[in-house]
Amino acid sequence: MFKSLPLWIGLRYLAAKRRNHFISFISASSMVGMTLGVAVLILVLSVMNGFDRELRERILGMVPHGVLYERGGINDWQGLAEQVEQQPGVVAAAPLTRLQGMLGYAGRVQGVMVTGIDPAAESKVSILPDHITDGELEALTPKSYGVLLGDLLAKRLNVVVGDKITLMLPEATLSPAGVIPRIKRLNVVGIFSVGAELDANLAVIHLADAAKLARLKAEAQALRVKFENLFDAPRGIWTLASKLDGYFTGSDWTRTHGNLFQAIKLEKTMIGLLLLIIVAVAAFNIISTLVMVVTDKQADIAILRTMGAKPSTVMAIFMVQGISIGLVGVVLGTVLGVAGALSISELIAWVEQAFGFQILSADVYFISYLPSQLLWSDVAIVTSASLTLSFLATLYPSYRASRVQPAEALRYE
């Protein structure tokens, strides 16, 4: 008789209209709080996952995993690249020469990092060829001094493909007029957009042109190395440097973007813990709800006990009610959170377009849009933690209900 009684009575108590409307309000607040807590937690974790993914795919798709430097530069980069690519864990290698300077056009000036590449080898180590929106990578040819600009950099300079811009290098030369900076005219042959901070401060030219501008006697300044696992780069690049003949030194992505990557992981953990407090508050509301229900149902509990119900049966009745509140909140929150995580990027993009402003600016953030990546493992962790808190919240009020003495409860009825 009593096997299904806890479930039946517990659900009736949950759905029944109460004389004390405050109890109904607290019960609804608990459910809404659980729903919002779970939804926001899933949504925020998905956004943090999106930032982590974009850092790996976009930023580290453009930034070298590792760089090998040789004193005086690298003369035979093709031979060195073949040797490096034979090492375990290495995907590909390509030459690299870097310069710092300023680009000017029609009175506008922007500081840039000028990178010299070999167009034929670049696609093996970089996502640049896949993100050219105007022009083409093959337009970078030796002695033509063509340049590819990030779209934000092109907008700031107000240039398009076909314009000629001025590159000013920090080295000075003597002339009859005095000391003047080195200046070179470049032809804009393409625009790229990776949706990251590099769109605002990177210019790409041919490797041979970069060597001349840098006054290198060698073919390249360094060799860029791409690893199968980017987390192997810090150790792998120094292993390569020690194995190669000659005097090589290494550098890796953790020196430039490692702190950002660690900050994202730390923020995800801390924000997750802070938002879990919302779920905990909702769980405490479940405790409050059940305590008041137990007080309100003293007579009912006493009648059940006199009819032969065991304390464990009474305890189970109120556990069913509390867990039901938590379960409904978790299910609704999961649905809302998953829906939000799958649509937040498009929603923010629509808001930016509709109202004409940018929420995430590449001047401030390392990407210019809000990414999101839903991981079902995160959903499972959030729902499990929320249901566990809901279950724990039912224990004390349910135990208190099971300790009600029928004689004491019915004395004043």
Protein backbone atom coordinates (compact mmCIF):
# COMPACT_ATOMS: atom_id res chain seq x y z
CA MET A 1 0.00 0.00 0.00
CA PHE A 2 2.74 2.43 0.94
CA LYS A 3 5.12 1.64 -1.94
CA SER A 4 3.79 4.36 -4.27
CA LEU A 5 2.36 6.55 -1.52
CA PRO A 6 5.40 8.90 -1.15
CA LEU A 7 5.44 9.69 -4.86
CA TRP A 8 1.68 10.23 -5.09
CA ILE A 9 1.37 12.42 -1.98
CA GLY A 10 4.59 14.30 -2.70
CA LEU A 11 3.40 15.31 -6.18
CA ARG A 12 -0.05 16.24 -4.81
CA TYR A 13 1.55 18.52 -2.22
CA LEU A 14 3.58 20.12 -5.00
CA ALA A 15 0.58 20.84 -7.23
CA ALA A 16 -2.07 21.55 -4.57
CA LYS A 17 -3.27 25.07 -3.83
CA ARG A 18 -2.21 26.18 -0.37
CA ARG A 19 -3.90 28.37 2.14
CA ASN A 20 -0.53 29.96 2.83
CA HIS A 21 0.31 31.76 -0.44
CA PHE A 22 3.75 32.66 0.84
CA ILE A 23 4.73 28.98 0.70
CA SER A 24 3.60 28.84 -2.94
CA PHE A 25 5.63 31.98 -3.68
CA ILE A 26 8.80 30.55 -2.10
CA SER A 27 8.29 27.29 -3.97
CA ALA A 28 7.94 29.12 -7.30
CA SER A 29 10.96 31.30 -6.47
CA SER A 30 13.03 28.18 -5.81
CA MET A 31 12.08 26.74 -9.18
CA VAL A 32 12.74 30.01 -11.04
CA GLY A 33 16.04 30.48 -9.23
CA MET A 34 17.14 26.96 -10.14
CA THR A 35 16.10 27.54 -13.77
CA LEU A 36 17.99 30.82 -14.07
CA GLY A 37 21.05 29.48 -12.26
CA VAL A 38 21.39 26.43 -14.50
CA ALA A 39 20.66 28.40 -17.70
CA VAL A 40 23.17 31.17 -16.96
CA LEU A 41 25.80 28.66 -15.84
CA ILE A 42 25.53 26.66 -19.08
CA LEU A 43 25.49 29.83 -21.19
CA VAL A 44 28.53 31.43 -19.54
CA LEU A 45 30.56 28.21 -19.61
CA SER A 46 29.77 27.88 -23.32
CA VAL A 47 30.97 31.43 -23.99
CA MET A 48 34.21 30.75 -22.09
CA ASN A 49 34.64 27.56 -24.12
CA GLY A 50 34.15 29.68 -27.23
CA PHE A 51 36.92 32.06 -26.21
CA ASP A 52 39.18 29.11 -25.54
CA ARG A 53 38.42 27.62 -28.98
CA GLU A 54 38.94 30.91 -30.80
CA LEU A 55 42.25 31.44 -29.04
CA ARG A 56 43.42 28.04 -30.24
CA GLU A 57 42.03 28.14 -33.77
CA ARG A 58 42.28 31.79 -34.77
CA ILE A 59 44.98 33.44 -32.69
CA LEU A 60 47.25 30.40 -32.54
CA GLY A 61 46.36 29.66 -36.16
CA MET A 62 48.16 32.89 -37.04
CA VAL A 63 50.73 33.07 -34.23
CA PRO A 64 53.56 30.51 -34.59
CA HIS A 65 53.44 27.53 -32.24
CA GLY A 66 57.21 27.72 -32.11
CA VAL A 67 60.03 29.69 -33.80
CA LEU A 68 63.62 28.60 -34.41
CA TYR A 69 66.25 31.36 -34.65
CA GLU A 70 69.79 30.94 -35.97
CA ARG A 71 72.49 33.51 -35.37
CA GLY A 72 72.81 35.65 -38.50
CA GLY A 73 69.61 34.26 -40.00
CA ILE A 74 68.75 31.09 -41.92
CA ASN A 75 70.34 30.65 -45.35
CA ASP A 76 68.85 27.35 -46.52
CA TRP A 77 65.40 27.42 -44.95
CA GLN A 78 64.02 24.72 -47.31
CA GLY A 79 66.65 22.22 -46.18
CA LEU A 80 66.16 23.13 -42.53
CA ALA A 81 62.37 22.84 -42.91
CA GLU A 82 62.69 19.34 -44.36
CA GLN A 83 64.91 18.33 -41.47
CA VAL A 84 62.53 19.78 -38.87
CA GLU A 85 59.43 18.21 -40.45
CA GLN A 86 60.97 14.75 -40.00
CA GLN A 87 60.96 15.19 -36.22
CA PRO A 88 58.13 13.52 -34.24
CA GLY A 89 55.25 15.81 -33.31
CA VAL A 90 56.03 18.38 -36.01
CA VAL A 91 53.39 19.06 -38.69
CA ALA A 92 55.16 21.59 -40.90
CA ALA A 93 57.69 24.42 -40.99
CA ALA A 94 57.94 27.66 -42.98
CA PRO A 95 60.27 30.69 -43.09
CA LEU A 96 59.60 33.91 -41.21
CA THR A 97 61.06 37.41 -41.06
CA ARG A 98 59.63 40.10 -38.79
CA LEU A 99 59.93 43.88 -38.80
CA GLN A 100 58.33 46.61 -36.78
CA GLY A 101 57.35 49.85 -38.40
CA MET A 102 54.62 52.34 -39.17
CA LEU A 103 52.27 52.45 -42.14
CA GLY A 104 51.05 55.75 -43.44
CA TYR A 105 48.44 56.81 -45.98
CA ALA A 106 46.81 60.20 -46.58
CA GLY A 107 47.85 61.59 -43.21
CA ARG A 108 46.87 58.47 -41.26
CA VAL A 109 49.57 56.50 -39.45
CA GLN A 110 49.39 53.10 -37.72
CA GLY A 111 52.06 51.03 -35.95
CA VAL A 112 52.34 47.50 -37.35
CA MET A 113 54.19 44.22 -37.19
CA VAL A 114 55.41 43.43 -40.71
CA THR A 115 55.84 39.72 -41.34
CA GLY A 116 57.68 38.28 -44.32
CA ILE A 117 56.43 34.88 -45.53
CA ASP A 118 56.82 32.43 -48.37
CA PRO A 119 53.32 32.22 -49.96
CA ALA A 120 53.83 28.61 -51.11
CA ALA A 121 54.75 27.38 -47.62
CA GLU A 122 52.43 29.56 -45.53
CA SER A 123 49.31 27.42 -45.96
CA LYS A 124 51.05 24.53 -44.15
CA VAL A 125 51.55 26.51 -40.92
CA SER A 126 48.92 29.28 -40.91
CA ILE A 127 45.22 29.91 -41.46
CA LEU A 128 46.02 33.16 -43.33
CA PRO A 129 45.32 31.79 -46.85
CA ASP A 130 41.80 30.76 -45.74
CA HIS A 131 40.89 34.23 -44.45
CA ILE A 132 41.79 36.52 -47.34
CA THR A 133 38.65 38.51 -48.15
CA ASP A 134 40.00 40.61 -51.04
CA GLY A 135 42.93 39.92 -53.35
CA GLU A 136 45.03 36.76 -53.16
CA LEU A 137 48.10 35.43 -51.40
CA GLU A 138 49.83 34.63 -54.69
CA ALA A 139 50.00 38.38 -55.41
CA LEU A 140 52.91 38.52 -52.97
CA THR A 141 55.89 38.13 -55.31
CA PRO A 142 59.59 38.96 -54.83
CA LYS A 143 60.66 42.58 -55.54
CA SER A 144 57.05 43.73 -56.04
CA TYR A 145 56.70 44.94 -52.45
CA GLY A 146 53.09 43.91 -52.24
CA VAL A 147 51.42 43.81 -48.84
CA LEU A 148 48.42 42.09 -47.25
CA LEU A 149 46.66 44.10 -44.53
CA GLY A 150 44.25 43.11 -41.79
CA ASP A 151 40.76 44.48 -42.44
CA LEU A 152 40.74 46.67 -39.32
CA LEU A 153 44.15 48.08 -40.22
CA ALA A 154 42.93 48.78 -43.77
CA LYS A 155 39.85 50.57 -42.41
CA ARG A 156 41.94 52.75 -40.10
CA LEU A 157 44.21 53.73 -42.96
CA ASN A 158 41.20 53.99 -45.30
CA VAL A 159 42.90 51.95 -48.03
CA VAL A 160 41.68 49.31 -50.48
CA VAL A 161 43.38 46.86 -52.79
CA GLY A 162 45.40 48.79 -55.37
CA ASP A 163 46.40 51.69 -53.11
CA LYS A 164 50.03 52.51 -52.37
CA ILE A 165 51.02 53.03 -48.74
CA THR A 166 54.21 54.12 -47.02
CA LEU A 167 56.19 51.92 -44.67
CA MET A 168 58.45 53.73 -42.22
CA LEU A 169 61.10 51.65 -40.47
CA PRO A 170 62.71 52.64 -37.14
CA GLU A 171 66.20 52.67 -38.70
CA ALA A 172 67.48 56.10 -39.69
CA THR A 173 69.65 57.06 -42.68
CA LEU A 174 71.85 60.11 -43.15
CA SER A 175 71.04 62.54 -45.96
CA PRO A 176 71.96 66.13 -46.87
CA ALA A 177 68.74 67.14 -45.12
CA GLY A 178 69.76 65.34 -41.92
CA VAL A 179 68.69 62.10 -40.30
CA ILE A 180 65.51 60.64 -41.81
CA PRO A 181 63.73 57.31 -41.25
CA ARG A 182 63.90 54.57 -43.87
CA ILE A 183 60.84 54.71 -46.08
CA LYS A 184 59.46 52.22 -48.62
CA ARG A 185 56.36 52.34 -50.77
CA LEU A 186 54.19 49.21 -50.63
CA ASN A 187 51.34 48.10 -52.90
CA VAL A 188 48.19 46.83 -51.18
CA VAL A 189 47.43 43.51 -52.92
CA GLY A 190 45.01 41.93 -50.45
CA ILE A 191 42.94 42.19 -47.28
CA PHE A 192 42.52 39.44 -44.68
CA SER A 193 40.20 39.02 -41.71
CA VAL A 194 40.67 36.44 -38.95
CA GLY A 195 38.32 38.18 -36.51
CA ALA A 196 41.09 38.83 -34.00
CA GLU A 197 43.44 41.53 -32.74
CA LEU A 198 45.90 40.68 -35.52
CA ASP A 199 43.49 42.28 -38.01
CA ALA A 200 44.46 45.65 -36.53
CA ASN A 201 48.24 45.40 -36.35
CA LEU A 202 49.58 42.86 -38.87
CA ALA A 203 50.92 43.43 -42.38
CA VAL A 204 52.26 40.58 -44.52
CA ILE A 205 54.83 40.88 -47.31
CA HIS A 206 56.97 38.46 -49.33
CA LEU A 207 59.92 36.84 -47.57
CA ALA A 208 62.46 38.21 -50.05
CA ASP A 209 61.15 41.77 -49.68
CA ALA A 210 61.24 41.46 -45.88
CA ALA A 211 64.86 40.26 -46.01
CA LYS A 212 65.85 43.32 -48.04
CA LEU A 213 63.98 45.70 -45.74
CA ALA A 214 65.59 44.06 -42.70
CA ARG A 215 68.99 44.12 -44.47
CA LEU A 216 69.40 40.42 -43.87
CA LYS A 217 72.21 38.59 -45.61
CA ALA A 218 70.31 35.33 -45.10
CA GLU A 219 67.07 34.16 -46.75
CA ALA A 220 65.01 34.28 -43.56
CA GLN A 221 65.24 35.52 -40.01
CA ALA A 222 63.70 32.40 -38.44
CA LEU A 223 61.77 29.19 -39.10
CA ARG A 224 58.19 28.88 -37.96
CA VAL A 225 57.23 25.42 -36.64
CA LYS A 226 53.73 23.99 -36.31
CA PHE A 227 53.23 21.11 -33.84
CA GLU A 228 50.50 18.46 -33.79
CA ASN A 229 49.71 19.47 -30.21
CA LEU A 230 50.31 23.15 -29.50
CA PHE A 231 50.93 22.34 -25.83
CA ASP A 232 54.01 20.38 -26.88
CA ALA A 233 55.54 23.54 -28.38
CA PRO A 234 57.35 24.89 -25.26
CA ARG A 235 59.33 21.71 -24.80
CA GLY A 236 59.41 20.64 -28.45
CA ILE A 237 60.95 23.83 -29.81
CA TRP A 238 63.92 23.62 -27.44
CA THR A 239 64.34 19.93 -28.21
CA LEU A 240 64.57 20.83 -31.88
CA ALA A 241 67.06 23.63 -31.19
CA SER A 242 69.34 21.22 -29.35
CA LYS A 243 69.18 18.54 -32.05
CA LEU A 244 69.98 20.76 -35.03
CA ASP A 245 73.50 21.50 -36.22
CA GLY A 246 74.46 25.10 -35.57
CA TYR A 247 73.59 27.67 -32.93
CA PHE A 248 69.79 27.73 -32.63
CA THR A 249 67.51 29.28 -30.05
CA GLY A 250 63.76 28.89 -29.72
CA SER A 251 60.61 30.71 -28.73
CA ASP A 252 57.01 29.54 -28.44
CA TRP A 253 53.46 30.85 -28.26
CA THR A 254 53.26 30.71 -24.45
CA ARG A 255 55.61 33.70 -24.21
CA THR A 256 53.19 35.94 -26.11
CA HIS A 257 49.75 34.40 -25.49
CA GLY A 258 50.28 31.91 -22.66
CA ASN A 259 49.00 34.28 -19.97
CA LEU A 260 45.85 34.94 -21.98
CA PHE A 261 45.17 31.22 -22.34
CA GLN A 262 45.69 30.61 -18.61
CA ALA A 263 43.49 33.61 -17.78
CA ILE A 264 40.62 32.19 -19.83
CA LYS A 265 40.88 28.81 -18.06
CA LEU A 266 41.00 30.51 -14.65
CA GLU A 267 38.07 32.78 -15.47
CA LYS A 268 35.99 29.81 -16.60
CA THR A 269 36.64 28.04 -13.30
CA MET A 270 36.00 31.08 -11.12
CA ILE A 271 32.90 32.24 -12.98
CA GLY A 272 31.52 28.71 -12.87
CA LEU A 273 31.99 28.54 -9.11
CA LEU A 274 30.44 31.98 -8.59
CA LEU A 275 27.40 31.18 -10.73
CA LEU A 276 26.98 27.90 -8.90
CA ILE A 277 26.15 30.08 -5.88
CA ILE A 278 22.91 31.04 -7.67
CA VAL A 279 21.99 27.37 -7.82
CA ALA A 280 22.96 26.97 -4.15
CA VAL A 281 20.68 29.88 -3.19
CA ALA A 282 17.82 28.20 -5.06
CA ALA A 283 18.59 25.00 -3.15
CA PHE A 284 18.37 26.90 0.16
CA ASN A 285 14.98 28.19 -0.98
CA ILE A 286 13.92 24.55 -1.38
CA ILE A 287 14.89 24.01 2.26
CA SER A 288 12.79 27.00 3.30
CA THR A 289 9.85 25.77 1.24
CA LEU A 290 9.91 22.28 2.70
CA VAL A 291 10.35 23.49 6.28
CA MET A 292 7.23 25.64 5.93
CA VAL A 293 5.33 22.80 4.21
CA VAL A 294 6.28 20.41 7.02
CA THR A 295 5.02 22.95 9.58
CA ASP A 296 1.81 23.41 7.59
CA LYS A 297 1.22 19.67 7.17
CA GLN A 298 1.75 18.57 10.77
CA ALA A 299 -1.77 17.16 11.05
CA ASP A 300 -1.48 15.26 7.75
CA ILE A 301 1.81 13.74 8.87
CA ALA A 302 0.27 12.67 12.18
CA ILE A 303 -2.68 11.01 10.41
CA LEU A 304 -0.33 9.12 8.08
CA ARG A 305 1.73 7.93 11.04
CA THR A 306 -1.38 6.70 12.90
CA MET A 307 -2.42 4.80 9.74
CA GLY A 308 0.85 2.89 9.85
CA ALA A 309 3.17 4.95 7.67
CA LYS A 310 6.80 4.53 8.66
CA PRO A 311 9.07 7.54 9.31
CA SER A 312 10.96 6.64 6.14
CA THR A 313 7.71 6.90 4.15
CA VAL A 314 6.99 10.36 5.54
CA MET A 315 10.56 11.39 4.82
CA ALA A 316 10.25 10.14 1.23
CA ILE A 317 7.06 12.23 0.67
CA PHE A 318 8.84 15.51 1.28
CA MET A 319 11.97 14.40 -0.54
CA VAL A 320 9.80 13.79 -3.61
CA GLN A 321 8.36 17.29 -3.33
CA GLY A 322 11.77 18.96 -2.97
CA ILE A 323 13.48 16.91 -5.68
CA SER A 324 10.56 17.63 -8.03
CA ILE A 325 11.05 21.38 -7.57
CA GLY A 326 14.76 21.00 -8.30
CA LEU A 327 14.19 18.64 -11.25
CA VAL A 328 11.73 20.95 -12.98
CA GLY A 329 14.09 23.90 -12.49
CA VAL A 330 17.10 21.94 -13.79
CA VAL A 331 15.23 20.68 -16.87
CA LEU A 332 13.90 24.14 -17.77
CA GLY A 333 17.31 25.72 -17.08
CA THR A 334 19.08 23.14 -19.24
CA VAL A 335 16.72 23.76 -22.15
CA LEU A 336 17.12 27.54 -21.88
CA GLY A 337 20.88 27.31 -21.37
CA VAL A 338 21.45 25.00 -24.35
CA ALA A 339 19.21 27.14 -26.58
CA GLY A 340 21.04 30.28 -25.47
CA ALA A 341 24.48 28.75 -25.97
CA LEU A 342 23.59 27.65 -29.52
CA SER A 343 22.22 31.07 -30.54
CA ILE A 344 24.12 33.68 -28.48
CA SER A 345 26.70 34.41 -31.20
CA GLU A 346 24.05 35.11 -33.86
CA LEU A 347 21.93 37.09 -31.38
CA ILE A 348 24.82 39.39 -30.40
CA ALA A 349 25.77 39.85 -34.07
CA TRP A 350 22.16 40.85 -34.84
CA VAL A 351 22.09 43.32 -31.94
CA GLU A 352 25.37 44.89 -33.13
CA GLN A 353 24.04 45.22 -36.68
CA ALA A 354 20.62 46.49 -35.62
CA PHE A 355 21.89 49.17 -33.24
CA GLY A 356 25.11 50.04 -35.07
CA PHE A 357 27.66 49.45 -32.29
CA GLN A 358 30.21 46.76 -31.48
CA ILE A 359 30.07 45.02 -28.11
CA LEU A 360 33.50 43.40 -28.44
CA SER A 361 36.06 45.66 -30.07
CA ALA A 362 39.33 44.25 -31.42
CA ASP A 363 41.02 47.28 -29.84
CA VAL A 364 40.17 45.89 -26.39
CA TYR A 365 39.59 42.15 -26.82
CA PHE A 366 41.60 39.59 -28.75
CA ILE A 367 38.56 38.77 -30.94
CA SER A 368 35.82 41.05 -32.27
CA TYR A 369 32.73 38.87 -31.71
CA LEU A 370 31.19 36.73 -28.99
CA PRO A 371 31.97 33.04 -29.53
CA SER A 372 30.17 30.09 -27.99
CA GLN A 373 30.92 26.37 -27.86
CA LEU A 374 28.50 24.06 -26.09
CA LEU A 375 30.17 21.08 -24.44
CA TRP A 376 27.80 18.35 -23.31
CA SER A 377 30.28 17.42 -20.60
CA ASP A 378 29.71 20.88 -19.06
CA VAL A 379 25.94 20.39 -19.32
CA ALA A 380 26.25 17.04 -17.55
CA ILE A 381 28.39 18.54 -14.76
CA VAL A 382 26.01 21.49 -14.24
CA THR A 383 22.86 19.36 -14.17
CA SER A 384 24.46 16.74 -11.90
CA ALA A 385 25.70 19.39 -9.45
CA SER A 386 22.31 21.13 -9.44
CA LEU A 387 20.36 17.91 -8.87
CA THR A 388 22.78 16.92 -6.09
CA LEU A 389 22.25 20.27 -4.35
CA SER A 390 18.48 19.83 -4.72
CA PHE A 391 18.67 16.36 -3.20
CA LEU A 392 20.81 17.53 -0.27
CA ALA A 393 18.39 20.42 0.31
CA THR A 394 15.56 17.94 0.95
CA LEU A 395 17.32 15.91 3.65
CA TYR A 396 16.90 18.13 6.72
CA PRO A 397 13.22 19.15 6.22
CA SER A 398 12.30 15.56 5.29
CA TYR A 399 14.08 14.18 8.34
CA ARG A 400 12.29 16.77 10.48
CA ALA A 401 8.96 15.62 9.03
CA SER A 402 9.75 11.99 9.82
CA ARG A 403 10.33 12.89 13.50
CA VAL A 404 6.86 14.41 14.01
CA GLN A 405 5.02 12.67 16.85
CA PRO A 406 1.33 12.01 16.05
CA ALA A 407 0.12 12.73 19.59
CA GLU A 408 1.89 16.07 19.75
CA ALA A 409 0.74 17.09 16.26
CA LEU A 410 -2.93 16.23 16.89
CA ARG A 411 -3.15 17.68 20.40
CA TYR A 412 -4.30 21.12 19.24
CA GLU A 413 -6.23 20.03 16.13
